[in-house]
Structure formats: C-alpha cells, structure tokens
PDB file of N, CA and C in Angstrom:
ATOM      1  N   MET A   1      -0.721 159.578 183.878  1.00  0.00           N
ATOM      2  CA  MET A   1      -0.049 160.762 184.363  1.00  0.00           C
ATOM      3  C   MET A   1       0.406 161.655 183.213  1.00  0.00           C
ATOM      4  N   HIS A   2       0.754 161.065 182.080  1.00  0.00           N
ATOM      5  CA  HIS A   2       1.329 161.870 181.020  1.00  0.00           C
ATOM      6  C   HIS A   2       0.428 162.051 179.800  1.00  0.00           C
ATOM      7  N   SER A   3      -0.515 161.158 179.529  1.00  0.00           N
ATOM      8  CA  SER A   3      -1.286 161.251 178.287  1.00  0.00           C
ATOM      9  C   SER A   3      -2.150 162.513 178.234  1.00  0.00           C
ATOM     10  N   GLN A   4      -2.877 162.817 179.292  1.00  0.00           N
ATOM     11  CA  GLN A   4      -3.705 164.033 179.285  1.00  0.00           C
ATOM     12  C   GLN A   4      -2.819 165.272 179.272  1.00  0.00           C
ATOM     13  N   ARG A   5      -1.692 165.195 179.912  1.00  0.00           N
ATOM     14  CA  ARG A   5      -0.773 166.336 179.917  1.00  0.00           C
ATOM     15  C   ARG A   5      -0.293 166.653 178.501  1.00  0.00           C
ATOM     16  N   ARG A   6       0.053 165.613 177.744  1.00  0.00           N
ATOM     17  CA  ARG A   6       0.498 165.843 176.357  1.00  0.00           C
ATOM     18  C   ARG A   6      -0.592 166.509 175.531  1.00  0.00           C
ATOM     19  N   VAL A   7      -1.806 166.032 175.669  1.00  0.00           N
ATOM     20  CA  VAL A   7      -2.934 166.615 174.931  1.00  0.00           C
ATOM     21  C   VAL A   7      -3.111 168.080 175.341  1.00  0.00           C
ATOM     22  N   ASN A   8      -3.098 168.349 176.629  1.00  0.00           N
ATOM     23  CA  ASN A   8      -3.293 169.709 177.104  1.00  0.00           C
ATOM     24  C   ASN A   8      -2.137 170.629 176.712  1.00  0.00           C
ATOM     25  N   GLN A   9      -0.932 170.107 176.691  1.00  0.00           N
ATOM     26  CA  GLN A   9       0.205 170.921 176.251  1.00  0.00           C
ATOM     27  C   GLN A   9       0.074 171.283 174.775  1.00  0.00           C
ATOM     28  N   GLU A  10      -0.339 170.331 173.961  1.00  0.00           N
ATOM     29  CA  GLU A  10      -0.515 170.609 172.535  1.00  0.00           C
ATOM     30  C   GLU A  10      -1.660 171.593 172.304  1.00  0.00           C
ATOM     31  N   MET A  11      -2.761 171.427 173.047  1.00  0.00           N
ATOM     32  CA  MET A  11      -3.864 172.377 172.928  1.00  0.00           C
ATOM     33  C   MET A  11      -3.418 173.761 173.387  1.00  0.00           C
ATOM     34  N   SER A  12      -2.647 173.822 174.454  1.00  0.00           N
ATOM     35  CA  SER A  12      -2.143 175.109 174.947  1.00  0.00           C
ATOM     36  C   SER A  12      -1.296 175.798 173.889  1.00  0.00           C
ATOM     37  N   LYS A  13      -0.442 175.036 173.256  1.00  0.00           N
ATOM     38  CA  LYS A  13       0.410 175.595 172.213  1.00  0.00           C
ATOM     39  C   LYS A  13      -0.456 176.138 171.070  1.00  0.00           C
ATOM     40  N   TRP A  14      -1.423 175.343 170.622  1.00  0.00           N
ATOM     41  CA  TRP A  14      -2.274 175.773 169.520  1.00  0.00           C
ATOM     42  C   TRP A  14      -3.064 177.024 169.884  1.00  0.00           C
ATOM     43  N   VAL A  15      -3.727 177.011 171.033  1.00  0.00           N
ATOM     44  CA  VAL A  15      -4.596 178.133 171.385  1.00  0.00           C
ATOM     45  C   VAL A  15      -3.782 179.403 171.640  1.00  0.00           C
ATOM     46  N   THR A  16      -2.573 179.278 172.109  1.00  0.00           N
ATOM     47  CA  THR A  16      -1.706 180.449 172.292  1.00  0.00           C
ATOM     48  C   THR A  16      -1.368 181.078 170.950  1.00  0.00           C
ATOM     49  N   GLU A  17      -1.167 180.250 169.941  1.00  0.00           N
ATOM     50  CA  GLU A  17      -0.791 180.737 168.614  1.00  0.00           C
ATOM     51  C   GLU A  17      -1.995 181.099 167.741  1.00  0.00           C
ATOM     52  N   ALA A  18      -3.200 180.818 168.188  1.00  0.00           N
ATOM     53  CA  ALA A  18      -4.420 181.037 167.398  1.00  0.00           C
ATOM     54  C   ALA A  18      -4.954 182.453 167.578  1.00  0.00           C
ATOM     55  N   ILE A  19      -4.088 183.422 167.505  1.00  0.00           N
ATOM     56  CA  ILE A  19      -4.440 184.810 167.786  1.00  0.00           C
ATOM     57  C   ILE A  19      -5.595 185.315 166.922  1.00  0.00           C
ATOM     58  N   PRO A  20      -5.619 185.075 165.615  1.00  0.00           N
ATOM     59  CA  PRO A  20      -6.740 185.586 164.809  1.00  0.00           C
ATOM     60  C   PRO A  20      -8.105 185.044 165.255  1.00  0.00           C
ATOM     61  N   PHE A  21      -8.135 183.841 165.771  1.00  0.00           N
ATOM     62  CA  PHE A  21      -9.405 183.245 166.199  1.00  0.00           C
ATOM     63  C   PHE A  21      -9.883 183.787 167.542  1.00  0.00           C
ATOM     64  N   LYS A  22      -8.974 184.402 168.321  1.00  0.00           N
ATOM     65  CA  LYS A  22      -9.317 184.890 169.653  1.00  0.00           C
ATOM     66  C   LYS A  22      -9.587 186.387 169.701  1.00  0.00           C
ATOM     67  N   LYS A  23      -9.353 187.101 168.610  1.00  0.00           N
ATOM     68  CA  LYS A  23      -9.577 188.545 168.593  1.00  0.00           C
ATOM     69  C   LYS A  23     -11.033 188.869 168.891  1.00  0.00           C
ATOM     70  N   ARG A  24     -11.256 189.957 169.592  1.00  0.00           N
ATOM     71  CA  ARG A  24     -12.617 190.343 169.969  1.00  0.00           C
ATOM     72  C   ARG A  24     -13.439 190.858 168.793  1.00  0.00           C
ATOM     73  N   ASP A  25     -12.807 191.496 167.832  1.00  0.00           N
ATOM     74  CA  ASP A  25     -13.540 192.066 166.698  1.00  0.00           C
ATOM     75  C   ASP A  25     -13.648 191.054 165.551  1.00  0.00           C
ATOM     76  N   GLN A  26     -14.546 190.114 165.706  1.00  0.00           N
ATOM     77  CA  GLN A  26     -14.752 189.052 164.726  1.00  0.00           C
ATOM     78  C   GLN A  26     -15.801 189.478 163.702  1.00  0.00           C
ATOM     79  N   PRO A  27     -15.759 188.904 162.494  1.00  0.00           N
ATOM     80  CA  PRO A  27     -16.652 189.333 161.418  1.00  0.00           C
ATOM     81  C   PRO A  27     -18.104 188.873 161.544  1.00  0.00           C
ATOM     82  N   ASN A  28     -18.376 187.910 162.423  1.00  0.00           N
ATOM     83  CA  ASN A  28     -19.752 187.434 162.564  1.00  0.00           C
ATOM     84  C   ASN A  28     -19.966 186.854 163.965  1.00  0.00           C
ATOM     85  N   PRO A  29     -21.215 186.637 164.355  1.00  0.00           N
ATOM     86  CA  PRO A  29     -21.503 186.131 165.704  1.00  0.00           C
ATOM     87  C   PRO A  29     -20.909 184.751 165.981  1.00  0.00           C
ATOM     88  N   GLN A  30     -20.833 183.913 164.958  1.00  0.00           N
ATOM     89  CA  GLN A  30     -20.283 182.576 165.156  1.00  0.00           C
ATOM     90  C   GLN A  30     -18.801 182.659 165.537  1.00  0.00           C
ATOM     91  N   ARG A  31     -18.065 183.500 164.818  1.00  0.00           N
ATOM     92  CA  ARG A  31     -16.636 183.668 165.121  1.00  0.00           C
ATOM     93  C   ARG A  31     -16.450 184.353 166.477  1.00  0.00           C
ATOM     94  N   ALA A  32     -17.339 185.267 166.837  1.00  0.00           N
ATOM     95  CA  ALA A  32     -17.253 185.936 168.138  1.00  0.00           C
ATOM     96  C   ALA A  32     -17.451 184.925 169.267  1.00  0.00           C
ATOM     97  N   ARG A  33     -18.409 184.022 169.083  1.00  0.00           N
ATOM     98  CA  ARG A  33     -18.652 182.981 170.100  1.00  0.00           C
ATOM     99  C   ARG A  33     -17.460 182.048 170.206  1.00  0.00           C
ATOM    100  N   LEU A  34     -16.869 181.697 169.064  1.00  0.00           N
ATOM    101  CA  LEU A  34     -15.675 180.856 169.079  1.00  0.00           C
ATOM    102  C   LEU A  34     -14.535 181.562 169.800  1.00  0.00           C
ATOM    103  N   ALA A  35     -14.346 182.842 169.548  1.00  0.00           N
ATOM    104  CA  ALA A  35     -13.284 183.604 170.216  1.00  0.00           C
ATOM    105  C   ALA A  35     -13.480 183.577 171.732  1.00  0.00           C
ATOM    106  N   GLU A  36     -14.714 183.725 172.162  1.00  0.00           N
ATOM    107  CA  GLU A  36     -15.020 183.673 173.598  1.00  0.00           C
ATOM    108  C   GLU A  36     -14.678 182.302 174.181  1.00  0.00           C
ATOM    109  N   GLN A  37     -15.090 181.253 173.482  1.00  0.00           N
ATOM    110  CA  GLN A  37     -14.826 179.888 173.961  1.00  0.00           C
ATOM    111  C   GLN A  37     -13.326 179.575 173.970  1.00  0.00           C
ATOM    112  N   LEU A  38     -12.601 180.075 172.978  1.00  0.00           N
ATOM    113  CA  LEU A  38     -11.152 179.850 172.948  1.00  0.00           C
ATOM    114  C   LEU A  38     -10.460 180.600 174.081  1.00  0.00           C
ATOM    115  N   GLY A  39     -10.975 181.754 174.440  1.00  0.00           N
ATOM    116  CA  GLY A  39     -10.437 182.465 175.600  1.00  0.00           C
ATOM    117  C   GLY A  39     -10.619 181.666 176.874  1.00  0.00           C
ATOM    118  N   LEU A  40     -11.801 181.057 177.018  1.00  0.00           N
ATOM    119  CA  LEU A  40     -12.052 180.193 178.176  1.00  0.00           C
ATOM    120  C   LEU A  40     -11.161 178.956 178.149  1.00  0.00           C
ATOM    121  N   LEU A  41     -10.964 178.411 176.953  1.00  0.00           N
ATOM    122  CA  LEU A  41     -10.085 177.249 176.820  1.00  0.00           C
ATOM    123  C   LEU A  41      -8.665 177.606 177.250  1.00  0.00           C
ATOM    124  N   GLU A  42      -8.179 178.744 176.807  1.00  0.00           N
ATOM    125  CA  GLU A  42      -6.823 179.158 177.167  1.00  0.00           C
ATOM    126  C   GLU A  42      -6.691 179.324 178.683  1.00  0.00           C
ATOM    127  N   LEU A  43      -7.677 179.944 179.296  1.00  0.00           N
ATOM    128  CA  LEU A  43      -7.672 180.097 180.751  1.00  0.00           C
ATOM    129  C   LEU A  43      -7.696 178.733 181.437  1.00  0.00           C
ATOM    130  N   HIS A  44      -8.580 177.863 180.982  1.00  0.00           N
ATOM    131  CA  HIS A  44      -8.682 176.516 181.554  1.00  0.00           C
ATOM    132  C   HIS A  44      -7.345 175.778 181.456  1.00  0.00           C
ATOM    133  N   LEU A  45      -6.745 175.808 180.284  1.00  0.00           N
ATOM    134  CA  LEU A  45      -5.486 175.082 180.094  1.00  0.00           C
ATOM    135  C   LEU A  45      -4.353 175.676 180.917  1.00  0.00           C
ATOM    136  N   ASN A  46      -4.307 176.986 181.033  1.00  0.00           N
ATOM    137  CA  ASN A  46      -3.280 177.606 181.874  1.00  0.00           C
ATOM    138  C   ASN A  46      -3.441 177.171 183.324  1.00  0.00           C
ATOM    139  N   GLN A  47      -4.668 177.176 183.808  1.00  0.00           N
ATOM    140  CA  GLN A  47      -4.922 176.747 185.183  1.00  0.00           C
ATOM    141  C   GLN A  47      -4.623 175.260 185.355  1.00  0.00           C
ATOM    142  N   TRP A  48      -5.018 174.457 184.386  1.00  0.00           N
ATOM    143  CA  TRP A  48      -4.774 173.019 184.465  1.00  0.00           C
ATOM    144  C   TRP A  48      -3.278 172.741 184.523  1.00  0.00           C
ATOM    145  N   ASN A  49      -2.528 173.370 183.634  1.00  0.00           N
ATOM    146  CA  ASN A  49      -1.076 173.145 183.618  1.00  0.00           C
ATOM    147  C   ASN A  49      -0.421 173.609 184.919  1.00  0.00           C
ATOM    148  N   ASP A  50      -0.861 174.732 185.466  1.00  0.00           N
ATOM    149  CA  ASP A  50      -0.322 175.204 186.743  1.00  0.00           C
ATOM    150  C   ASP A  50      -0.622 174.214 187.862  1.00  0.00           C
ATOM    151  N   LYS A  51      -1.859 173.728 187.901  1.00  0.00           N
ATOM    152  CA  LYS A  51      -2.231 172.770 188.953  1.00  0.00           C
ATOM    153  C   LYS A  51      -1.467 171.463 188.780  1.00  0.00           C
ATOM    154  N   TYR A  52      -1.322 171.024 187.538  1.00  0.00           N
ATOM    155  CA  TYR A  52      -0.547 169.809 187.275  1.00  0.00           C
ATOM    156  C   TYR A  52       0.858 169.947 187.853  1.00  0.00           C
ATOM    157  N   GLU A  53       1.519 171.047 187.520  1.00  0.00           N
ATOM    158  CA  GLU A  53       2.890 171.261 187.988  1.00  0.00           C
ATOM    159  C   GLU A  53       2.975 171.328 189.507  1.00  0.00           C
ATOM    160  N   ALA A  54       1.946 171.860 190.148  1.00  0.00           N
ATOM    161  CA  ALA A  54       1.946 171.987 191.602  1.00  0.00           C
ATOM    162  C   ALA A  54       1.632 170.681 192.321  1.00  0.00           C
ATOM    163  N   VAL A  55       0.876 169.796 191.664  1.00  0.00           N
ATOM    164  CA  VAL A  55       0.363 168.610 192.355  1.00  0.00           C
ATOM    165  C   VAL A  55       1.015 167.306 191.915  1.00  0.00           C
ATOM    166  N   ILE A  56       1.050 167.023 190.649  1.00  0.00           N
ATOM    167  CA  ILE A  56       1.430 165.701 190.153  1.00  0.00           C
ATOM    168  C   ILE A  56       2.893 165.324 190.443  1.00  0.00           C
ATOM    169  N   PRO A  57       3.863 166.148 190.106  1.00  0.00           N
ATOM    170  CA  PRO A  57       5.246 165.726 190.335  1.00  0.00           C
ATOM    171  C   PRO A  57       5.577 165.481 191.811  1.00  0.00           C
ATOM    172  N   ASN A  58       4.805 166.084 192.720  1.00  0.00           N
ATOM    173  CA  ASN A  58       5.101 165.984 194.152  1.00  0.00           C
ATOM    174  C   ASN A  58       4.268 164.945 194.889  1.00  0.00           C
ATOM    175  N   ASP A  59       3.373 164.265 194.204  1.00  0.00           N
ATOM    176  CA  ASP A  59       2.490 163.309 194.876  1.00  0.00           C
ATOM    177  C   ASP A  59       2.280 162.086 193.983  1.00  0.00           C
ATOM    178  N   ALA A  60       3.016 161.022 194.255  1.00  0.00           N
ATOM    179  CA  ALA A  60       2.975 159.810 193.434  1.00  0.00           C
ATOM    180  C   ALA A  60       1.598 159.139 193.453  1.00  0.00           C
ATOM    181  N   LYS A  61       0.756 159.457 194.423  1.00  0.00           N
ATOM    182  CA  LYS A  61      -0.575 158.869 194.510  1.00  0.00           C
ATOM    183  C   LYS A  61      -1.553 159.501 193.524  1.00  0.00           C
ATOM    184  N   ARG A  62      -1.224 160.653 193.013  1.00  0.00           N
ATOM    185  CA  ARG A  62      -2.125 161.355 192.098  1.00  0.00           C
ATOM    186  C   ARG A  62      -1.760 161.058 190.656  1.00  0.00           C
ATOM    187  N   SER A  63      -2.796 160.968 189.835  1.00  0.00           N
ATOM    188  CA  SER A  63      -2.544 160.723 188.415  1.00  0.00           C
ATOM    189  C   SER A  63      -3.418 161.583 187.515  1.00  0.00           C
ATOM    190  N   LEU A  64      -4.303 162.382 188.100  1.00  0.00           N
ATOM    191  CA  LEU A  64      -5.234 163.162 187.307  1.00  0.00           C
ATOM    192  C   LEU A  64      -5.498 164.490 188.005  1.00  0.00           C
ATOM    193  N   VAL A  65      -5.688 165.520 187.205  1.00  0.00           N
ATOM    194  CA  VAL A  65      -5.959 166.853 187.728  1.00  0.00           C
ATOM    195  C   VAL A  65      -7.333 167.296 187.248  1.00  0.00           C
ATOM    196  N   TYR A  66      -8.154 167.749 188.181  1.00  0.00           N
ATOM    197  CA  TYR A  66      -9.465 168.311 187.856  1.00  0.00           C
ATOM    198  C   TYR A  66      -9.488 169.774 188.253  1.00  0.00           C
ATOM    199  N   LEU A  67     -10.225 170.574 187.510  1.00  0.00           N
ATOM    200  CA  LEU A  67     -10.406 171.968 187.883  1.00  0.00           C
ATOM    201  C   LEU A  67     -11.842 172.254 188.296  1.00  0.00           C
ATOM    202  N   ALA A  68     -12.801 171.829 187.520  1.00  0.00           N
ATOM    203  CA  ALA A  68     -14.207 172.132 187.793  1.00  0.00           C
ATOM    204  C   ALA A  68     -14.837 171.008 188.607  1.00  0.00           C
ATOM    205  N   ASP A  69     -14.211 170.676 189.711  1.00  0.00           N
ATOM    206  CA  ASP A  69     -14.742 169.632 190.577  1.00  0.00           C
ATOM    207  C   ASP A  69     -15.575 170.268 191.688  1.00  0.00           C
ATOM    208  N   GLU A  70     -15.903 169.489 192.690  1.00  0.00           N
ATOM    209  CA  GLU A  70     -16.739 169.996 193.774  1.00  0.00           C
ATOM    210  C   GLU A  70     -16.063 171.130 194.548  1.00  0.00           C
ATOM    211  N   LYS A  71     -14.750 171.250 194.432  1.00  0.00           N
ATOM    212  CA  LYS A  71     -14.037 172.327 195.131  1.00  0.00           C
ATOM    213  C   LYS A  71     -13.822 173.545 194.238  1.00  0.00           C
ATOM    214  N   SER A  72     -14.245 173.448 192.990  1.00  0.00           N
ATOM    215  CA  SER A  72     -14.139 174.563 192.032  1.00  0.00           C
ATOM    216  C   SER A  72     -12.745 175.179 192.010  1.00  0.00           C
ATOM    217  N   HIS A  73     -11.765 174.360 191.714  1.00  0.00           N
ATOM    218  CA  HIS A  73     -10.376 174.816 191.684  1.00  0.00           C
ATOM    219  C   HIS A  73     -10.042 175.666 190.473  1.00  0.00           C
ATOM    220  N   GLY A  74     -10.931 175.749 189.516  1.00  0.00           N
ATOM    221  CA  GLY A  74     -10.621 176.526 188.326  1.00  0.00           C
ATOM    222  C   GLY A  74     -11.758 176.513 187.326  1.00  0.00           C
ATOM    223  N   VAL A  75     -11.453 177.068 186.182  1.00  0.00           N
ATOM    224  CA  VAL A  75     -12.414 177.165 185.089  1.00  0.00           C
ATOM    225  C   VAL A  75     -12.542 175.807 184.401  1.00  0.00           C
ATOM    226  N   GLN A  76     -13.760 175.375 184.175  1.00  0.00           N
ATOM    227  CA  GLN A  76     -13.975 174.092 183.500  1.00  0.00           C
ATOM    228  C   GLN A  76     -13.623 174.191 182.019  1.00  0.00           C
ATOM    229  N   PHE A  77     -13.454 173.052 181.384  1.00  0.00           N
ATOM    230  CA  PHE A  77     -13.284 173.011 179.942  1.00  0.00           C
ATOM    231  C   PHE A  77     -14.525 173.653 179.335  1.00  0.00           C
ATOM    232  N   PRO A  78     -14.361 174.557 178.370  1.00  0.00           N
ATOM    233  CA  PRO A  78     -15.521 175.278 177.834  1.00  0.00           C
ATOM    234  C   PRO A  78     -16.589 174.339 177.275  1.00  0.00           C
ATOM    235  N   PRO A  79     -17.765 174.324 177.895  1.00  0.00           N
ATOM    236  CA  PRO A  79     -18.802 173.377 177.484  1.00  0.00           C
ATOM    237  C   PRO A  79     -19.392 173.662 176.106  1.00  0.00           C
ATOM    238  N   GLU A  80     -19.260 174.881 175.623  1.00  0.00           N
ATOM    239  CA  GLU A  80     -19.833 175.253 174.333  1.00  0.00           C
ATOM    240  C   GLU A  80     -18.801 175.302 173.208  1.00  0.00           C
ATOM    241  N   LEU A  81     -17.580 174.871 173.479  1.00  0.00           N
ATOM    242  CA  LEU A  81     -16.515 174.969 172.482  1.00  0.00           C
ATOM    243  C   LEU A  81     -16.813 174.142 171.237  1.00  0.00           C
ATOM    244  N   GLU A  82     -17.208 172.909 171.415  1.00  0.00           N
ATOM    245  CA  GLU A  82     -17.472 172.047 170.264  1.00  0.00           C
ATOM    246  C   GLU A  82     -18.576 172.638 169.384  1.00  0.00           C
ATOM    247  N   ARG A  83     -19.628 173.111 170.002  1.00  0.00           N
ATOM    248  CA  ARG A  83     -20.739 173.707 169.243  1.00  0.00           C
ATOM    249  C   ARG A  83     -20.282 174.976 168.521  1.00  0.00           C
ATOM    250  N   ALA A  84     -19.442 175.769 169.173  1.00  0.00           N
ATOM    251  CA  ALA A  84     -18.930 176.993 168.551  1.00  0.00           C
ATOM    252  C   ALA A  84     -18.104 176.665 167.316  1.00  0.00           C
ATOM    253  N   VAL A  85     -17.278 175.627 167.397  1.00  0.00           N
ATOM    254  CA  VAL A  85     -16.483 175.200 166.239  1.00  0.00           C
ATOM    255  C   VAL A  85     -17.410 174.738 165.122  1.00  0.00           C
ATOM    256  N   GLU A  86     -18.403 173.930 165.455  1.00  0.00           N
ATOM    257  CA  GLU A  86     -19.363 173.445 164.457  1.00  0.00           C
ATOM    258  C   GLU A  86     -20.100 174.602 163.787  1.00  0.00           C
ATOM    259  N   ASP A  87     -20.483 175.610 164.556  1.00  0.00           N
ATOM    260  CA  ASP A  87     -21.201 176.758 163.985  1.00  0.00           C
ATOM    261  C   ASP A  87     -20.314 177.562 163.037  1.00  0.00           C
ATOM    262  N   VAL A  88     -19.055 177.724 163.377  1.00  0.00           N
ATOM    263  CA  VAL A  88     -18.138 178.451 162.491  1.00  0.00           C
ATOM    264  C   VAL A  88     -17.950 177.676 161.198  1.00  0.00           C
ATOM    265  N   ILE A  89     -17.757 176.381 161.296  1.00  0.00           N
ATOM    266  CA  ILE A  89     -17.585 175.563 160.096  1.00  0.00           C
ATOM    267  C   ILE A  89     -18.834 175.641 159.223  1.00  0.00           C
ATOM    268  N   ALA A  90     -19.998 175.549 159.828  1.00  0.00           N
ATOM    269  CA  ALA A  90     -21.258 175.616 159.078  1.00  0.00           C
ATOM    270  C   ALA A  90     -21.438 176.980 158.420  1.00  0.00           C
ATOM    271  N   SER A  91     -20.955 178.049 159.053  1.00  0.00           N
ATOM    272  CA  SER A  91     -21.112 179.386 158.474  1.00  0.00           C
ATOM    273  C   SER A  91     -20.234 179.599 157.255  1.00  0.00           C
ATOM    274  N   TRP A  92     -19.213 178.774 157.065  1.00  0.00           N
ATOM    275  CA  TRP A  92     -18.330 178.892 155.892  1.00  0.00           C
ATOM    276  C   TRP A  92     -18.896 178.157 154.682  1.00  0.00           C
ATOM    277  N   GLN A  93     -19.860 177.307 154.888  1.00  0.00           N
ATOM    278  CA  GLN A  93     -20.384 176.493 153.789  1.00  0.00           C
ATOM    279  C   GLN A  93     -21.471 177.200 153.017  1.00  0.00           C
TER     280      GLN A  93
END
C-alpha cells in the first residue's frame, strides 16, 4: 500500500522541480523527446496520486492503483521514458 506511493511521491517531487528538462525549447531532439516524456510522466503521476487518494484510504481491500488498465483510467507510465533518458545521456558523451 505504501511502497509504490513513496516512489511515486518522490518522482512527483523530482519531476515538478525539473523545470529545465521539461521546457519545450530544448537544444536538441534528444532533449526535446525527454521533455515530452517527462511531461507525460508528470501527468501520469498526478493522475496516479489523485486516484490513490480517492481509492486506497477508503477501501481496505485495495492495495494497488492502476491507470492504464482495461478501463483506461488515466495516462500510462511513459513507455519511451527510459530510452529518452538513455539517448540524452549518450548525446552528452
């Protein structure tokens, strides 16, 4: 009930403060793709945290929150985020 929430809260805090990485006017395509993925991550985490607050504390039978399930309750975790991070790191080398 709490471990994924802690991870998502920490990611939410980081992505909220990562303003330079989310700006639309990035210096190269790799950074632009990362900015797009971080925007999706921020949306996903906001929706996840909202759903958590609405569902988990009020239902002892629940222990996990999904967004991109068969009911499409929200935006999925960005599937290209890891690759975008790898591409940005590779572009600095």
